[in-house]
Amino acid sequence: MPPSTRRLRRTPVLLSAAAVTVAAASLIAYESVTSPAFGLEAAPRAGSAACTRLTAAYPDEVAGADRTPADVKGAAVWGDGAVIVRCGLATPLPTNDPCAQVDGVDWVWRAPQDDDGRKLLITYGRAPAVEVRIDTRRAAPDAVLVDLSRLVKPIRQSHRCISTSDVPAPSPPGSTPGPTRSVPRQGPRG
């Protein structure tokens, strides 16, 4: 067979292989860019026993949004990224950030890094901590926190949020401080 005939027969095969490769690469690139879990990393303690139990209990729906597949240990996504949860973070240190208690779970509101309509909250006083990112344009934070607090509540609480009314006012400068009193740690509210 002359070399030109062999070359002509190989050309369609090579073109087909190239087309399949380009199509597969395009699909992979599209999926990685449009996936709600794009950029989502597992938390450092995502493999803990508490996170394993929590992950097994993630519901099919949160605040009316259906669960979206995400292949990140300890994480779950609902509503194509409207709600993103990660279990396994370090417990936050005491903070002046706002805190809300929902069904016996304290949630600290973190200041957003940008104003893209997302709210970032993390449980307070529970180890490991659970983080939730809520796109407020597509999910109501109150409904999300009600649904997620039921899940998080079994993680043991060691500290709770307090308000300024729970802390005694400082003595005025130059006055003699009154007697000190010890207040026992109260258990979880709820």
N, C-alpha and C. Protein backbone atom coordinates (compact mmCIF):
# COMPACT_ATOMS: atom_id res chain seq x y z
N MET A 1 0.85 -1.17 0.00
CA MET A 1 0.00 0.00 0.00
C MET A 1 0.91 1.24 0.00
N PRO A 2 0.64 2.17 -0.85
CA PRO A 2 1.46 3.37 -0.92
C PRO A 2 1.33 4.20 0.37
N PRO A 3 2.39 4.92 0.77
CA PRO A 3 2.38 5.71 2.00
C PRO A 3 1.25 6.73 2.04
N SER A 4 0.87 7.32 0.90
CA SER A 4 -0.19 8.32 0.89
C SER A 4 -1.53 7.71 1.27
N THR A 5 -1.79 6.44 0.92
CA THR A 5 -3.04 5.76 1.26
C THR A 5 -3.09 5.49 2.76
N ARG A 6 -1.95 5.03 3.31
CA ARG A 6 -1.90 4.78 4.76
C ARG A 6 -2.14 6.08 5.54
N ARG A 7 -1.56 7.15 5.05
CA ARG A 7 -1.72 8.44 5.70
C ARG A 7 -3.19 8.88 5.65
N LEU A 8 -3.87 8.65 4.54
CA LEU A 8 -5.28 9.03 4.40
C LEU A 8 -6.16 8.21 5.34
N ARG A 9 -5.84 6.93 5.55
CA ARG A 9 -6.65 6.10 6.45
C ARG A 9 -6.43 6.49 7.91
N ARG A 10 -5.22 6.92 8.26
CA ARG A 10 -4.93 7.31 9.64
C ARG A 10 -5.51 8.68 9.98
N THR A 11 -5.68 9.53 9.01
CA THR A 11 -6.15 10.88 9.26
C THR A 11 -7.52 10.91 9.94
N PRO A 12 -8.55 10.16 9.47
CA PRO A 12 -9.84 10.20 10.17
C PRO A 12 -9.74 9.64 11.60
N VAL A 13 -8.92 8.63 11.80
CA VAL A 13 -8.77 8.06 13.13
C VAL A 13 -8.12 9.08 14.06
N LEU A 14 -7.08 9.74 13.59
CA LEU A 14 -6.41 10.76 14.40
C LEU A 14 -7.33 11.95 14.68
N LEU A 15 -8.10 12.37 13.68
CA LEU A 15 -9.04 13.47 13.88
C LEU A 15 -10.12 13.09 14.88
N SER A 16 -10.61 11.87 14.81
CA SER A 16 -11.63 11.40 15.77
C SER A 16 -11.07 11.37 17.17
N ALA A 17 -9.86 10.85 17.33
CA ALA A 17 -9.22 10.79 18.64
C ALA A 17 -9.00 12.19 19.19
N ALA A 18 -8.57 13.09 18.35
CA ALA A 18 -8.36 14.47 18.79
C ALA A 18 -9.68 15.12 19.21
N ALA A 19 -10.75 14.88 18.46
CA ALA A 19 -12.06 15.44 18.79
C ALA A 19 -12.55 14.91 20.14
N VAL A 20 -12.38 13.62 20.38
CA VAL A 20 -12.81 13.03 21.66
C VAL A 20 -11.98 13.62 22.80
N THR A 21 -10.70 13.78 22.62
CA THR A 21 -9.83 14.36 23.65
C THR A 21 -10.24 15.80 23.97
N VAL A 22 -10.49 16.58 22.95
CA VAL A 22 -10.90 17.98 23.15
C VAL A 22 -12.26 18.03 23.86
N ALA A 23 -13.18 17.18 23.46
CA ALA A 23 -14.51 17.16 24.09
C ALA A 23 -14.40 16.76 25.56
N ALA A 24 -13.60 15.75 25.86
CA ALA A 24 -13.43 15.30 27.25
C ALA A 24 -12.78 16.40 28.09
N ALA A 25 -11.75 17.02 27.55
CA ALA A 25 -11.08 18.10 28.29
C ALA A 25 -12.02 19.27 28.53
N SER A 26 -12.84 19.60 27.54
CA SER A 26 -13.81 20.69 27.69
C SER A 26 -14.83 20.37 28.76
N LEU A 27 -15.31 19.13 28.78
CA LEU A 27 -16.29 18.71 29.79
C LEU A 27 -15.69 18.79 31.18
N ILE A 28 -14.48 18.30 31.36
CA ILE A 28 -13.82 18.34 32.66
C ILE A 28 -13.63 19.79 33.10
N ALA A 29 -13.17 20.63 32.21
CA ALA A 29 -12.98 22.04 32.54
C ALA A 29 -14.30 22.71 32.90
N TYR A 30 -15.36 22.42 32.15
CA TYR A 30 -16.68 22.99 32.41
C TYR A 30 -17.17 22.55 33.79
N GLU A 31 -17.06 21.25 34.08
CA GLU A 31 -17.53 20.73 35.37
C GLU A 31 -16.77 21.36 36.52
N SER A 32 -15.46 21.51 36.40
CA SER A 32 -14.69 22.06 37.51
C SER A 32 -15.00 23.54 37.73
N VAL A 33 -15.30 24.27 36.68
CA VAL A 33 -15.60 25.68 36.82
C VAL A 33 -17.02 25.89 37.31
N THR A 34 -17.98 25.08 36.87
CA THR A 34 -19.37 25.29 37.24
C THR A 34 -19.79 24.51 38.47
N SER A 35 -18.95 23.64 38.99
CA SER A 35 -19.30 22.85 40.17
C SER A 35 -19.43 23.77 41.37
N PRO A 36 -20.50 23.58 42.18
CA PRO A 36 -20.64 24.42 43.37
C PRO A 36 -19.51 24.18 44.37
N ALA A 37 -18.86 23.03 44.29
CA ALA A 37 -17.77 22.72 45.22
C ALA A 37 -16.44 23.25 44.71
N PHE A 38 -16.43 23.96 43.58
CA PHE A 38 -15.20 24.51 43.03
C PHE A 38 -14.55 25.41 44.07
N GLY A 39 -13.31 25.11 44.41
CA GLY A 39 -12.60 25.90 45.40
C GLY A 39 -12.88 25.47 46.83
N LEU A 40 -13.72 24.49 47.04
CA LEU A 40 -14.06 24.03 48.38
C LEU A 40 -13.06 22.97 48.81
N GLU A 41 -12.45 23.14 49.97
CA GLU A 41 -11.49 22.18 50.49
C GLU A 41 -12.04 21.56 51.76
N ALA A 42 -11.61 20.34 52.02
CA ALA A 42 -12.00 19.68 53.26
C ALA A 42 -11.39 20.42 54.45
N ALA A 43 -12.13 20.51 55.54
CA ALA A 43 -11.63 21.14 56.75
C ALA A 43 -10.59 20.22 57.39
N PRO A 44 -9.69 20.77 58.20
CA PRO A 44 -8.61 19.96 58.79
C PRO A 44 -9.08 18.73 59.58
N ARG A 45 -10.22 18.83 60.26
CA ARG A 45 -10.72 17.70 61.06
C ARG A 45 -11.97 17.07 60.44
N ALA A 46 -12.07 17.12 59.12
CA ALA A 46 -13.24 16.58 58.42
C ALA A 46 -13.41 15.08 58.63
N GLY A 47 -12.33 14.39 58.93
CA GLY A 47 -12.39 12.94 59.14
C GLY A 47 -12.69 12.53 60.57
N SER A 48 -12.96 13.48 61.46
CA SER A 48 -13.25 13.16 62.87
C SER A 48 -14.54 12.36 62.98
N ALA A 49 -14.68 11.67 64.10
CA ALA A 49 -15.88 10.85 64.33
C ALA A 49 -17.14 11.73 64.30
N ALA A 50 -17.07 12.92 64.91
CA ALA A 50 -18.24 13.81 64.94
C ALA A 50 -18.63 14.23 63.53
N CYS A 51 -17.64 14.56 62.69
CA CYS A 51 -17.95 14.96 61.31
C CYS A 51 -18.45 13.78 60.48
N THR A 52 -17.93 12.60 60.75
CA THR A 52 -18.41 11.41 60.03
C THR A 52 -19.88 11.18 60.34
N ARG A 53 -20.28 11.32 61.62
CA ARG A 53 -21.69 11.17 61.99
C ARG A 53 -22.54 12.27 61.35
N LEU A 54 -22.03 13.49 61.38
CA LEU A 54 -22.77 14.62 60.80
C LEU A 54 -22.95 14.42 59.30
N THR A 55 -21.87 14.04 58.61
CA THR A 55 -21.92 13.83 57.17
C THR A 55 -22.95 12.77 56.79
N ALA A 56 -23.02 11.71 57.58
CA ALA A 56 -23.98 10.63 57.30
C ALA A 56 -25.43 11.11 57.47
N ALA A 57 -25.62 12.17 58.24
CA ALA A 57 -26.97 12.67 58.50
C ALA A 57 -27.35 13.87 57.64
N TYR A 58 -26.46 14.32 56.75
CA TYR A 58 -26.81 15.46 55.90
C TYR A 58 -28.12 15.15 55.17
N PRO A 59 -29.09 16.07 55.24
CA PRO A 59 -30.39 15.81 54.60
C PRO A 59 -30.35 16.05 53.09
N ASP A 60 -31.38 15.57 52.42
CA ASP A 60 -31.51 15.78 50.97
C ASP A 60 -31.91 17.21 50.64
N GLU A 61 -32.44 17.93 51.64
CA GLU A 61 -32.93 19.29 51.41
C GLU A 61 -32.63 20.16 52.62
N VAL A 62 -32.20 21.38 52.38
CA VAL A 62 -32.00 22.38 53.43
C VAL A 62 -32.68 23.67 52.96
N ALA A 63 -33.55 24.20 53.79
CA ALA A 63 -34.26 25.45 53.49
C ALA A 63 -34.90 25.42 52.10
N GLY A 64 -35.43 24.27 51.71
CA GLY A 64 -36.10 24.13 50.42
C GLY A 64 -35.18 23.90 49.24
N ALA A 65 -33.86 23.85 49.47
CA ALA A 65 -32.90 23.63 48.38
C ALA A 65 -32.45 22.17 48.37
N ASP A 66 -32.44 21.57 47.19
CA ASP A 66 -32.02 20.18 47.05
C ASP A 66 -30.51 20.05 47.18
N ARG A 67 -30.09 18.90 47.70
CA ARG A 67 -28.66 18.63 47.86
C ARG A 67 -28.01 18.45 46.50
N THR A 68 -26.83 19.02 46.34
CA THR A 68 -26.04 18.95 45.12
C THR A 68 -24.83 18.07 45.41
N PRO A 69 -24.49 17.14 44.53
CA PRO A 69 -23.32 16.29 44.80
C PRO A 69 -22.04 17.13 44.98
N ALA A 70 -21.26 16.77 45.99
CA ALA A 70 -19.96 17.41 46.25
C ALA A 70 -19.03 16.34 46.78
N ASP A 71 -17.89 16.23 46.20
CA ASP A 71 -16.94 15.19 46.56
C ASP A 71 -15.84 15.73 47.48
N VAL A 72 -16.24 16.38 48.58
CA VAL A 72 -15.28 16.94 49.52
C VAL A 72 -15.62 16.38 50.89
N LYS A 73 -14.66 15.72 51.52
CA LYS A 73 -14.88 15.08 52.82
C LYS A 73 -15.41 16.08 53.84
N GLY A 74 -16.50 15.70 54.51
CA GLY A 74 -17.08 16.53 55.57
C GLY A 74 -17.92 17.69 55.07
N ALA A 75 -18.06 17.84 53.77
CA ALA A 75 -18.77 18.99 53.21
C ALA A 75 -20.05 18.55 52.51
N ALA A 76 -20.97 19.49 52.39
CA ALA A 76 -22.21 19.26 51.64
C ALA A 76 -22.63 20.58 51.01
N VAL A 77 -23.35 20.45 49.90
CA VAL A 77 -23.81 21.62 49.15
C VAL A 77 -25.28 21.42 48.83
N TRP A 78 -26.05 22.49 48.95
CA TRP A 78 -27.47 22.46 48.59
C TRP A 78 -27.74 23.63 47.65
N GLY A 79 -28.71 23.44 46.75
CA GLY A 79 -29.14 24.51 45.86
C GLY A 79 -28.05 25.02 44.94
N ASP A 80 -27.24 24.11 44.41
CA ASP A 80 -26.16 24.50 43.48
C ASP A 80 -25.28 25.60 44.06
N GLY A 81 -24.97 25.48 45.34
CA GLY A 81 -24.07 26.44 45.99
C GLY A 81 -24.76 27.50 46.82
N ALA A 82 -26.09 27.46 46.93
CA ALA A 82 -26.79 28.43 47.77
C ALA A 82 -26.41 28.24 49.24
N VAL A 83 -26.17 26.98 49.64
CA VAL A 83 -25.77 26.65 51.00
C VAL A 83 -24.59 25.67 50.91
N ILE A 84 -23.50 26.00 51.58
CA ILE A 84 -22.32 25.14 51.60
C ILE A 84 -21.91 24.94 53.05
N VAL A 85 -21.74 23.69 53.46
CA VAL A 85 -21.38 23.36 54.84
C VAL A 85 -20.08 22.59 54.85
N ARG A 86 -19.22 22.93 55.81
CA ARG A 86 -17.99 22.17 56.05
C ARG A 86 -17.90 21.85 57.53
N CYS A 87 -17.66 20.60 57.85
CA CYS A 87 -17.46 20.18 59.24
C CYS A 87 -15.98 19.89 59.42
N GLY A 88 -15.45 20.23 60.62
CA GLY A 88 -14.08 19.88 60.93
C GLY A 88 -13.14 21.05 61.10
N LEU A 89 -13.68 22.23 61.37
CA LEU A 89 -12.82 23.39 61.58
C LEU A 89 -12.46 23.52 63.06
N ALA A 90 -11.44 24.32 63.33
CA ALA A 90 -11.05 24.60 64.71
C ALA A 90 -12.16 25.44 65.36
N THR A 91 -12.34 25.21 66.64
CA THR A 91 -13.34 25.98 67.39
C THR A 91 -12.89 27.44 67.45
N PRO A 92 -13.77 28.38 67.13
CA PRO A 92 -13.36 29.79 67.16
C PRO A 92 -13.03 30.23 68.58
N LEU A 93 -12.09 31.14 68.67
CA LEU A 93 -11.73 31.75 69.94
C LEU A 93 -12.81 32.75 70.32
N PRO A 94 -12.85 33.18 71.60
CA PRO A 94 -13.82 34.21 71.97
C PRO A 94 -13.69 35.42 71.02
N THR A 95 -14.81 36.00 70.70
CA THR A 95 -14.84 37.05 69.69
C THR A 95 -15.90 38.08 70.01
N ASN A 96 -15.76 39.24 69.42
CA ASN A 96 -16.80 40.27 69.51
C ASN A 96 -17.76 40.20 68.33
N ASP A 97 -17.54 39.25 67.42
CA ASP A 97 -18.44 39.09 66.28
C ASP A 97 -19.84 38.74 66.79
N PRO A 98 -20.87 39.16 66.06
CA PRO A 98 -22.24 38.85 66.48
C PRO A 98 -22.46 37.34 66.57
N CYS A 99 -23.28 36.95 67.51
CA CYS A 99 -23.58 35.53 67.71
C CYS A 99 -25.09 35.38 67.85
N ALA A 100 -25.62 34.33 67.26
CA ALA A 100 -27.05 34.05 67.36
C ALA A 100 -27.23 32.61 67.81
N GLN A 101 -28.18 32.40 68.71
CA GLN A 101 -28.48 31.04 69.12
C GLN A 101 -29.73 30.58 68.38
N VAL A 102 -29.62 29.44 67.70
CA VAL A 102 -30.75 28.88 66.96
C VAL A 102 -30.94 27.44 67.42
N ASP A 103 -32.06 27.19 68.06
CA ASP A 103 -32.40 25.84 68.56
C ASP A 103 -31.27 25.21 69.37
N GLY A 104 -30.66 26.01 70.25
CA GLY A 104 -29.63 25.50 71.14
C GLY A 104 -28.23 25.45 70.57
N VAL A 105 -28.04 25.98 69.38
CA VAL A 105 -26.71 26.02 68.76
C VAL A 105 -26.32 27.48 68.56
N ASP A 106 -25.11 27.82 69.04
CA ASP A 106 -24.60 29.18 68.87
C ASP A 106 -23.86 29.28 67.54
N TRP A 107 -24.20 30.29 66.76
CA TRP A 107 -23.58 30.56 65.45
C TRP A 107 -22.96 31.94 65.48
N VAL A 108 -21.68 32.04 65.15
CA VAL A 108 -20.98 33.32 65.06
C VAL A 108 -21.01 33.78 63.61
N TRP A 109 -21.43 35.03 63.41
CA TRP A 109 -21.48 35.63 62.08
C TRP A 109 -20.11 36.24 61.80
N ARG A 110 -19.46 35.77 60.78
CA ARG A 110 -18.15 36.31 60.38
C ARG A 110 -18.35 37.39 59.32
N ALA A 111 -17.52 38.41 59.37
CA ALA A 111 -17.59 39.48 58.36
C ALA A 111 -17.19 38.90 57.01
N PRO A 112 -17.98 39.16 55.97
CA PRO A 112 -17.63 38.63 54.65
C PRO A 112 -16.37 39.30 54.10
N GLN A 113 -15.58 38.52 53.34
CA GLN A 113 -14.38 39.07 52.73
C GLN A 113 -14.74 39.97 51.55
N ASP A 114 -15.86 39.70 50.94
CA ASP A 114 -16.35 40.57 49.87
C ASP A 114 -17.87 40.62 49.99
N ASP A 115 -18.46 41.51 49.28
CA ASP A 115 -19.91 41.68 49.38
C ASP A 115 -20.59 41.00 48.20
N ASP A 116 -20.51 39.65 48.18
CA ASP A 116 -21.10 38.90 47.06
C ASP A 116 -22.45 38.30 47.43
N GLY A 117 -23.05 38.77 48.53
CA GLY A 117 -24.36 38.27 48.93
C GLY A 117 -24.28 37.02 49.78
N ARG A 118 -23.10 36.61 50.20
CA ARG A 118 -22.94 35.42 51.03
C ARG A 118 -22.70 35.81 52.48
N LYS A 119 -23.22 34.99 53.37
CA LYS A 119 -22.96 35.13 54.79
C LYS A 119 -22.17 33.92 55.24
N LEU A 120 -21.21 34.14 56.12
CA LEU A 120 -20.38 33.06 56.64
C LEU A 120 -20.62 32.96 58.13
N LEU A 121 -21.01 31.77 58.58
CA LEU A 121 -21.27 31.53 59.99
C LEU A 121 -20.49 30.29 60.42
N ILE A 122 -20.14 30.23 61.71
CA ILE A 122 -19.44 29.07 62.25
C ILE A 122 -19.98 28.80 63.65
N THR A 123 -20.10 27.52 63.98
CA THR A 123 -20.61 27.19 65.31
C THR A 123 -19.61 27.65 66.36
N TYR A 124 -20.13 28.03 67.52
CA TYR A 124 -19.27 28.48 68.61
C TYR A 124 -19.41 27.50 69.78
N GLY A 125 -18.27 27.11 70.34
CA GLY A 125 -18.27 26.26 71.52
C GLY A 125 -18.43 24.78 71.23
N ARG A 126 -18.31 24.38 70.00
CA ARG A 126 -18.42 22.96 69.61
C ARG A 126 -17.15 22.55 68.88
N ALA A 127 -16.66 21.36 69.23
CA ALA A 127 -15.45 20.84 68.57
C ALA A 127 -15.76 19.47 67.99
N PRO A 128 -15.58 19.32 66.69
CA PRO A 128 -15.10 20.31 65.73
C PRO A 128 -16.20 21.31 65.38
N ALA A 129 -15.77 22.44 64.88
CA ALA A 129 -16.72 23.48 64.48
C ALA A 129 -17.27 23.19 63.08
N VAL A 130 -18.46 23.72 62.82
CA VAL A 130 -19.13 23.56 61.53
C VAL A 130 -19.31 24.96 60.93
N GLU A 131 -18.92 25.09 59.68
CA GLU A 131 -19.01 26.36 58.96
C GLU A 131 -20.12 26.25 57.92
N VAL A 132 -20.87 27.34 57.75
CA VAL A 132 -21.89 27.37 56.70
C VAL A 132 -21.77 28.69 55.94
N ARG A 133 -21.79 28.59 54.62
CA ARG A 133 -21.82 29.76 53.74
C ARG A 133 -23.20 29.79 53.09
N ILE A 134 -23.86 30.93 53.21
CA ILE A 134 -25.23 31.06 52.69
C ILE A 134 -25.28 32.19 51.68
N ASP A 135 -25.74 31.88 50.48
CA ASP A 135 -25.98 32.90 49.47
C ASP A 135 -27.36 33.47 49.78
N THR A 136 -27.40 34.64 50.39
CA THR A 136 -28.66 35.21 50.87
C THR A 136 -29.60 35.62 49.74
N ARG A 137 -29.10 35.64 48.51
CA ARG A 137 -29.98 35.92 47.37
C ARG A 137 -30.79 34.69 47.01
N ARG A 138 -30.35 33.50 47.46
CA ARG A 138 -31.03 32.25 47.07
C ARG A 138 -31.49 31.40 48.25
N ALA A 139 -31.10 31.75 49.48
CA ALA A 139 -31.52 30.97 50.64
C ALA A 139 -31.65 31.89 51.85
N ALA A 140 -32.68 31.66 52.65
CA ALA A 140 -32.92 32.47 53.84
C ALA A 140 -32.08 31.95 55.00
N PRO A 141 -31.21 32.79 55.57
CA PRO A 141 -30.34 32.32 56.66
C PRO A 141 -31.10 31.70 57.83
N ASP A 142 -32.25 32.27 58.21
CA ASP A 142 -32.98 31.70 59.34
C ASP A 142 -33.44 30.28 59.06
N ALA A 143 -33.96 30.02 57.87
CA ALA A 143 -34.40 28.66 57.52
C ALA A 143 -33.22 27.70 57.45
N VAL A 144 -32.09 28.16 56.91
CA VAL A 144 -30.89 27.32 56.82
C VAL A 144 -30.41 26.95 58.22
N LEU A 145 -30.33 27.94 59.12
CA LEU A 145 -29.82 27.68 60.46
C LEU A 145 -30.75 26.78 61.27
N VAL A 146 -32.05 26.89 61.07
CA VAL A 146 -32.99 26.00 61.76
C VAL A 146 -32.73 24.55 61.31
N ASP A 147 -32.61 24.35 59.99
CA ASP A 147 -32.36 22.99 59.48
C ASP A 147 -31.01 22.45 59.93
N LEU A 148 -29.97 23.27 59.89
CA LEU A 148 -28.63 22.79 60.23
C LEU A 148 -28.40 22.66 61.73
N SER A 149 -29.07 23.47 62.54
CA SER A 149 -28.89 23.37 63.99
C SER A 149 -29.31 22.00 64.51
N ARG A 150 -30.34 21.42 63.92
CA ARG A 150 -30.75 20.07 64.32
C ARG A 150 -29.63 19.07 64.10
N LEU A 151 -28.90 19.25 63.01
CA LEU A 151 -27.78 18.36 62.69
C LEU A 151 -26.60 18.56 63.64
N VAL A 152 -26.29 19.81 63.92
CA VAL A 152 -25.09 20.16 64.67
C VAL A 152 -25.27 19.93 66.18
N LYS A 153 -26.47 20.02 66.67
CA LYS A 153 -26.73 19.97 68.12
C LYS A 153 -26.08 18.78 68.82
N PRO A 154 -26.01 17.57 68.22
CA PRO A 154 -25.37 16.45 68.91
C PRO A 154 -23.86 16.61 69.16
N ILE A 155 -23.19 17.53 68.46
CA ILE A 155 -21.77 17.77 68.73
C ILE A 155 -21.69 18.48 70.08
N ARG A 156 -20.93 17.92 71.01
CA ARG A 156 -20.87 18.42 72.38
C ARG A 156 -20.48 19.89 72.42
N GLN A 157 -21.22 20.66 73.23
CA GLN A 157 -20.95 22.09 73.40
C GLN A 157 -20.17 22.30 74.69
N SER A 158 -19.04 23.01 74.60
CA SER A 158 -18.23 23.29 75.78
C SER A 158 -18.29 24.76 76.20
N HIS A 159 -18.66 25.65 75.30
CA HIS A 159 -18.78 27.08 75.58
C HIS A 159 -20.03 27.61 74.89
N ARG A 160 -20.48 28.75 75.37
CA ARG A 160 -21.64 29.36 74.73
C ARG A 160 -21.38 30.84 74.53
N CYS A 161 -22.11 31.42 73.61
CA CYS A 161 -22.02 32.85 73.39
C CYS A 161 -22.65 33.57 74.57
N ILE A 162 -22.09 34.71 74.90
CA ILE A 162 -22.68 35.54 75.95
C ILE A 162 -22.87 36.93 75.38
N SER A 163 -23.74 37.69 76.01
CA SER A 163 -23.96 39.06 75.57
C SER A 163 -23.30 40.00 76.57
N THR A 164 -23.26 41.28 76.24
CA THR A 164 -22.65 42.25 77.15
C THR A 164 -23.40 42.31 78.48
N SER A 165 -24.67 41.95 78.50
CA SER A 165 -25.43 41.97 79.76
C SER A 165 -25.00 40.82 80.68
N ASP A 166 -24.30 39.83 80.13
CA ASP A 166 -23.81 38.71 80.94
C ASP A 166 -22.48 39.03 81.62
N VAL A 167 -21.85 40.13 81.27
CA VAL A 167 -20.53 40.49 81.78
C VAL A 167 -20.68 41.68 82.71
N PRO A 168 -20.11 41.60 83.94
CA PRO A 168 -20.22 42.74 84.84
C PRO A 168 -19.50 43.95 84.28
N ALA A 169 -20.07 45.12 84.53
CA ALA A 169 -19.46 46.37 84.06
C ALA A 169 -18.16 46.61 84.81
N PRO A 170 -17.16 47.17 84.14
CA PRO A 170 -15.89 47.45 84.84
C PRO A 170 -16.09 48.55 85.88
N SER A 171 -15.25 48.50 86.91
CA SER A 171 -15.30 49.54 87.95
C SER A 171 -14.78 50.84 87.37
N PRO A 172 -15.36 51.97 87.81
CA PRO A 172 -14.84 53.25 87.33
C PRO A 172 -13.39 53.44 87.78
N PRO A 173 -12.60 54.17 87.00
CA PRO A 173 -11.20 54.38 87.37
C PRO A 173 -11.09 55.02 88.75
N GLY A 174 -10.14 54.54 89.55
CA GLY A 174 -9.89 55.09 90.88
C GLY A 174 -10.77 54.53 91.97
N SER A 175 -11.78 53.73 91.63
CA SER A 175 -12.64 53.17 92.68
C SER A 175 -12.07 51.84 93.16
N THR A 176 -12.50 51.43 94.31
CA THR A 176 -12.07 50.15 94.86
C THR A 176 -12.99 49.08 94.33
N PRO A 177 -12.40 48.05 93.68
CA PRO A 177 -13.28 47.00 93.15
C PRO A 177 -13.98 46.25 94.26
N GLY A 178 -15.19 45.85 94.01
CA GLY A 178 -15.98 45.08 94.96
C GLY A 178 -15.50 43.64 95.02
N PRO A 179 -16.13 42.84 95.85
CA PRO A 179 -15.72 41.45 95.98
C PRO A 179 -15.91 40.71 94.66
N THR A 180 -15.01 39.78 94.42
CA THR A 180 -15.10 38.97 93.21
C THR A 180 -15.98 37.77 93.49
N ARG A 181 -16.77 37.39 92.54
CA ARG A 181 -17.61 36.20 92.72
C ARG A 181 -17.43 35.27 91.54
N SER A 182 -17.56 34.04 91.80
CA SER A 182 -17.42 33.01 90.76
C SER A 182 -18.79 32.61 90.27
N VAL A 183 -18.93 32.53 88.98
CA VAL A 183 -20.20 32.11 88.39
C VAL A 183 -19.97 30.78 87.72
N PRO A 184 -20.72 29.74 88.15
CA PRO A 184 -20.52 28.43 87.52
C PRO A 184 -20.90 28.47 86.05
N ARG A 185 -20.17 27.67 85.26
CA ARG A 185 -20.47 27.55 83.83
C ARG A 185 -21.82 26.91 83.67
N GLN A 186 -22.66 27.54 82.89
CA GLN A 186 -23.98 26.98 82.62
C GLN A 186 -23.89 26.06 81.44
N GLY A 187 -24.73 25.04 81.43
CA GLY A 187 -24.77 24.11 80.30
C GLY A 187 -25.37 24.77 79.08
N PRO A 188 -25.45 24.00 78.01
CA PRO A 188 -26.02 24.56 76.77
C PRO A 188 -27.44 25.04 76.96
N ARG A 189 -27.74 26.13 76.32
CA ARG A 189 -29.10 26.65 76.34
C ARG A 189 -29.95 25.85 75.36
N GLY A 190 -31.19 25.77 75.58
CA GLY A 190 -32.06 25.16 74.59
C GLY A 190 -32.92 24.22 75.14
